[in-house]
Amino acid sequence: MLSDSQIIWRLILAAVLSGLVGFEREIHGRAAGFRTHILVCVGAALITMVSMYMADIYQGIAQADPGRIAASIVTGVGFLGAGTILRFRASVRGLTTAASLWTAAGIGMATGCGFFLGAMFATVIVLVCLLFFSYLEWKVIRKDWYRTLSAQTTGGSSVLAEIRKVLSDYRVEIRDLEIIKPERGEGVLLEMDLKLLTDKYDDQIVSDIMRLKGVKQAGWK
C-alpha cells in the first residue's frame, strides 16, 4: 500500500513533468496546451495508482490485474489525441500535440507506478524533441515548406493569373485555393495553400505580389 506522502509526491511529479511539456505546446498556441497535458498526465498517474490499489486490496480474495485498467489509458488518450488533429484544407495540423498528449499519459503511468527514472528521462527526451528537433526538421531535414498566402484583391481572373505567374517564377505549387467574397465592399480575398521548395524567398514573393495591379494587401498566414 502506498503511503499518503507517496501518493501526493507522485501526483505532484506527474503535474510538474507534464506541465513542462504542456508549456511548450502552450507557447506555440496549440489547443491542447499547459492545462490539458497536466490533466492527462495526473489522471493517468491516478488511474495507475488506482489499479495498483485495487490489486492490493483484492489480493487473495479475487484475481485483479493491475495492468488491465492502465492499458485502457492508452486507448482512451488515443481518442483524446485524435480530437487535436485537424485537417485544414491541404494540410494536417495537431499530430505533434496528439503525440505529446499520448506520451504525457505514458509519463503519468510511469509516475503512478513509481517508475520515476523512466518518467523523468522520457520528459527530457520529449522536451528536446519539441524544442530542438523542430529546428533540425525545418532547417536540415525538411525539403518542402507548406504555407498559406492571403491576398486581398479587386477581383477578376486577370489578377489571379498574375499572382499565379509570380508564384510560378519562384517554382511555388498551389495546393489549394479558396476565394472568399466579402459581405460588404468590392473585391475578393484569395487564400492559397502553397508548397515551396525553400523559405528563402518569402518576403520577395509577398513583395512581388503587392506590386501587382489590383492587389490591395498580401501576406502569409
Protein backbone atom coordinates (compact mmCIF):
# COMPACT_ATOMS: atom_id res chain seq x y z
CA MET A 1 0.00 0.00 0.00
CA LEU A 2 1.28 3.45 -0.86
CA SER A 3 1.62 5.96 1.94
CA ASP A 4 -0.13 9.32 1.76
CA SER A 5 3.16 11.11 1.10
CA GLN A 6 3.98 8.75 -1.79
CA ILE A 7 0.58 9.34 -3.39
CA ILE A 8 0.92 13.12 -3.12
CA TRP A 9 4.51 13.08 -4.39
CA ARG A 10 3.63 11.02 -7.44
CA LEU A 11 0.71 13.25 -8.38
CA ILE A 12 2.81 16.40 -7.95
CA LEU A 13 5.66 14.95 -10.01
CA ALA A 14 3.21 13.99 -12.75
CA ALA A 15 1.88 17.56 -12.79
CA VAL A 16 5.38 19.07 -12.96
CA LEU A 17 6.68 16.80 -15.71
CA SER A 18 3.59 17.16 -17.89
CA GLY A 19 3.49 20.90 -17.19
CA LEU A 20 6.91 21.26 -18.82
CA VAL A 21 5.67 19.54 -21.97
CA GLY A 22 2.37 21.40 -21.93
CA PHE A 23 4.10 24.77 -21.53
CA GLU A 24 5.99 24.21 -24.78
CA ARG A 25 2.73 23.43 -26.58
CA GLU A 26 1.05 26.46 -24.96
CA ILE A 27 3.63 28.98 -26.19
CA HIS A 28 3.04 27.68 -29.72
CA GLY A 29 -0.68 28.39 -29.39
CA ARG A 30 -1.88 24.78 -29.55
CA ALA A 31 -5.40 23.90 -28.39
CA ALA A 32 -4.10 21.16 -26.09
CA GLY A 33 -1.59 23.09 -24.02
CA PHE A 34 -0.49 23.57 -20.42
CA ARG A 35 -3.64 22.56 -18.53
CA THR A 36 -4.61 19.74 -20.88
CA HIS A 37 -1.25 17.99 -20.59
CA ILE A 38 -1.29 18.29 -16.80
CA LEU A 39 -4.81 16.89 -16.56
CA VAL A 40 -3.99 13.95 -18.84
CA CYS A 41 -0.77 13.10 -17.02
CA VAL A 42 -2.19 13.46 -13.49
CA GLY A 43 -5.26 11.47 -14.49
CA ALA A 44 -3.08 8.70 -15.92
CA ALA A 45 -0.97 8.64 -12.75
CA LEU A 46 -4.07 8.48 -10.57
CA ILE A 47 -5.68 5.68 -12.60
CA THR A 48 -2.42 3.72 -12.50
CA MET A 49 -2.30 4.02 -8.72
CA VAL A 50 -5.97 3.04 -8.51
CA SER A 51 -5.27 -0.14 -10.49
CA MET A 52 -2.35 -0.93 -8.15
CA TYR A 53 -4.54 -0.19 -5.11
CA MET A 54 -7.32 -2.46 -6.33
CA ALA A 55 -4.87 -5.29 -6.99
CA ASP A 56 -3.52 -4.87 -3.47
CA ILE A 57 -6.84 -4.77 -1.59
CA TYR A 58 -8.25 -7.74 -3.51
CA GLN A 59 -5.10 -9.83 -3.17
CA GLY A 60 -6.10 -13.32 -2.00
CA ILE A 61 -9.81 -12.51 -2.43
CA ALA A 62 -10.23 -12.15 -6.18
CA GLN A 63 -7.98 -12.03 -9.20
CA ALA A 64 -7.14 -8.41 -10.09
CA ASP A 65 -4.89 -7.44 -12.96
CA PRO A 66 -3.25 -4.02 -12.29
CA GLY A 67 -2.35 -3.72 -15.95
CA ARG A 68 -5.90 -4.03 -17.26
CA ILE A 69 -7.10 -0.61 -16.12
CA ALA A 70 -3.80 1.02 -17.02
CA ALA A 71 -3.99 -0.43 -20.55
CA SER A 72 -7.30 1.37 -21.05
CA ILE A 73 -5.49 4.70 -20.56
CA VAL A 74 -3.55 4.22 -23.79
CA THR A 75 -6.75 3.66 -25.76
CA GLY A 76 -8.65 6.47 -24.05
CA VAL A 77 -5.94 9.06 -24.59
CA GLY A 78 -5.75 7.97 -28.22
CA PHE A 79 -9.30 9.24 -28.73
CA LEU A 80 -8.44 12.47 -26.92
CA GLY A 81 -5.39 12.99 -29.11
CA ALA A 82 -7.46 12.41 -32.24
CA GLY A 83 -9.53 15.43 -31.24
CA THR A 84 -6.46 17.68 -31.56
CA ILE A 85 -5.75 16.61 -35.15
CA LEU A 86 -7.36 18.97 -37.63
CA ARG A 87 -7.41 18.91 -41.40
CA PHE A 88 -7.09 22.45 -42.71
CA ARG A 89 -7.63 22.35 -46.47
CA ALA A 90 -4.38 20.86 -47.87
CA SER A 91 -2.58 20.44 -44.55
CA VAL A 92 -2.99 18.41 -41.37
CA ARG A 93 -2.30 20.03 -38.01
CA GLY A 94 -2.09 18.72 -34.47
CA LEU A 95 -0.18 15.47 -34.95
CA THR A 96 2.68 16.55 -32.68
CA THR A 97 0.27 17.72 -29.99
CA ALA A 98 -1.62 14.43 -30.18
CA ALA A 99 1.65 12.53 -29.81
CA SER A 100 2.73 14.68 -26.85
CA LEU A 101 -0.63 14.04 -25.13
CA TRP A 102 -0.23 10.30 -25.63
CA THR A 103 3.32 10.48 -24.25
CA ALA A 104 2.12 12.58 -21.30
CA ALA A 105 -0.24 9.74 -20.42
CA GLY A 106 2.71 7.36 -20.51
CA ILE A 107 4.68 9.67 -18.23
CA GLY A 108 1.73 9.73 -15.86
CA MET A 109 1.50 5.95 -15.83
CA ALA A 110 5.23 5.64 -15.13
CA THR A 111 4.97 8.18 -12.32
CA GLY A 112 1.92 6.48 -10.86
CA CYS A 113 3.61 3.10 -10.60
CA GLY A 114 6.84 4.56 -9.20
CA PHE A 115 8.99 4.30 -12.32
CA PHE A 116 10.44 7.76 -11.68
CA LEU A 117 13.64 7.45 -13.72
CA GLY A 118 11.73 6.46 -16.82
CA ALA A 119 9.18 9.26 -16.32
CA MET A 120 11.80 11.98 -15.86
CA PHE A 121 14.09 10.80 -18.65
CA ALA A 122 11.13 10.47 -21.03
CA THR A 123 10.16 14.07 -20.19
CA VAL A 124 13.67 15.24 -21.06
CA ILE A 125 13.55 13.42 -24.40
CA VAL A 126 10.11 14.87 -25.21
CA LEU A 127 11.27 18.41 -24.44
CA VAL A 128 14.42 18.01 -26.53
CA CYS A 129 12.28 16.69 -29.37
CA LEU A 130 9.78 19.56 -29.20
CA LEU A 131 12.24 22.39 -28.58
CA PHE A 132 15.28 21.47 -30.66
CA PHE A 133 14.31 18.86 -33.22
CA SER A 134 11.82 21.23 -34.83
CA TYR A 135 14.75 23.44 -35.85
CA LEU A 136 16.56 20.41 -37.24
CA GLU A 137 13.45 19.36 -39.10
CA TRP A 138 12.87 22.74 -40.76
CA LYS A 139 16.47 23.77 -41.44
CA VAL A 140 18.24 20.49 -42.22
CA ILE A 141 15.87 17.61 -42.99
CA ARG A 142 12.78 19.16 -44.50
CA LYS A 143 12.84 19.84 -48.24
CA ASP A 144 9.34 21.21 -48.76
CA TRP A 145 7.61 24.08 -46.99
CA TYR A 146 3.85 24.50 -46.79
CA ARG A 147 2.50 28.00 -46.26
CA THR A 148 -0.82 29.80 -46.62
CA LEU A 149 -0.85 33.05 -48.59
CA SER A 150 -3.67 35.55 -48.18
CA ALA A 151 -4.24 38.27 -50.78
CA GLN A 152 -6.93 40.97 -50.85
CA THR A 153 -7.69 41.84 -54.49
CA THR A 154 -10.12 43.90 -56.51
CA GLY A 155 -11.34 40.71 -58.14
CA GLY A 156 -11.13 39.44 -61.66
CA SER A 157 -9.43 36.44 -63.25
CA SER A 158 -6.60 38.61 -64.56
CA VAL A 159 -5.38 39.36 -61.02
CA LEU A 160 -5.38 35.67 -60.15
CA ALA A 161 -3.49 34.89 -63.33
CA GLU A 162 -0.82 37.46 -62.43
CA ILE A 163 -0.47 36.01 -58.94
CA ARG A 164 -0.12 32.54 -60.42
CA LYS A 165 2.64 33.81 -62.70
CA VAL A 166 4.58 35.28 -59.76
CA LEU A 167 4.31 32.03 -57.84
CA SER A 168 5.36 30.07 -60.91
CA ASP A 169 8.50 32.21 -61.23
CA TYR A 170 9.51 31.05 -57.75
CA ARG A 171 8.53 27.43 -58.53
CA VAL A 172 5.74 27.54 -55.97
CA GLU A 173 2.92 25.00 -56.32
CA ILE A 174 -0.66 25.95 -55.41
CA ARG A 175 -2.12 23.02 -53.46
CA ASP A 176 -5.48 24.58 -52.67
CA LEU A 177 -7.29 27.84 -53.43
CA GLU A 178 -10.22 29.46 -51.67
CA ILE A 179 -11.96 32.58 -52.97
CA ILE A 180 -13.87 34.47 -50.28
CA LYS A 181 -16.36 37.14 -51.27
CA PRO A 182 -16.89 39.75 -48.51
CA GLU A 183 -20.43 40.63 -47.49
CA ARG A 184 -19.71 44.30 -47.97
CA GLY A 185 -17.37 46.11 -50.28
CA GLU A 186 -15.75 45.11 -53.54
CA GLY A 187 -13.07 42.64 -54.42
CA VAL A 188 -12.32 39.16 -53.12
CA LEU A 189 -9.99 37.53 -50.61
CA LEU A 190 -7.76 34.80 -52.01
CA GLU A 191 -6.36 32.19 -49.63
CA MET A 192 -3.88 29.78 -51.19
CA ASP A 193 -2.17 26.78 -49.64
CA LEU A 194 1.25 26.66 -51.22
CA LYS A 195 4.12 24.19 -51.47
CA LEU A 196 7.51 25.89 -51.63
CA LEU A 197 10.92 24.40 -52.29
CA THR A 198 12.58 26.85 -49.89
CA ASP A 199 11.65 29.55 -47.39
CA LYS A 200 14.34 31.97 -48.57
CA TYR A 201 12.05 33.97 -50.83
CA ASP A 202 9.06 34.50 -48.55
CA ASP A 203 9.49 38.28 -48.41
CA GLN A 204 10.22 38.61 -52.13
CA ILE A 205 7.11 36.64 -53.08
CA VAL A 206 4.87 38.88 -50.98
CA SER A 207 6.63 41.99 -52.26
CA ASP A 208 6.20 40.97 -55.92
CA ILE A 209 2.51 40.18 -55.40
CA MET A 210 1.93 43.52 -53.66
CA ARG A 211 3.28 45.30 -56.77
CA LEU A 212 0.61 43.76 -58.97
CA LYS A 213 -2.22 45.99 -60.12
CA GLY A 214 -5.41 45.01 -58.34
CA VAL A 215 -3.75 43.61 -55.21
CA LYS A 216 -4.58 45.68 -52.12
CA GLN A 217 -2.84 43.60 -49.47
CA ALA A 218 -0.94 40.30 -49.24
CA GLY A 219 0.82 38.33 -46.55
CA TRP A 220 1.47 34.94 -45.00
CA LYS A 221 -0.98 33.47 -42.51
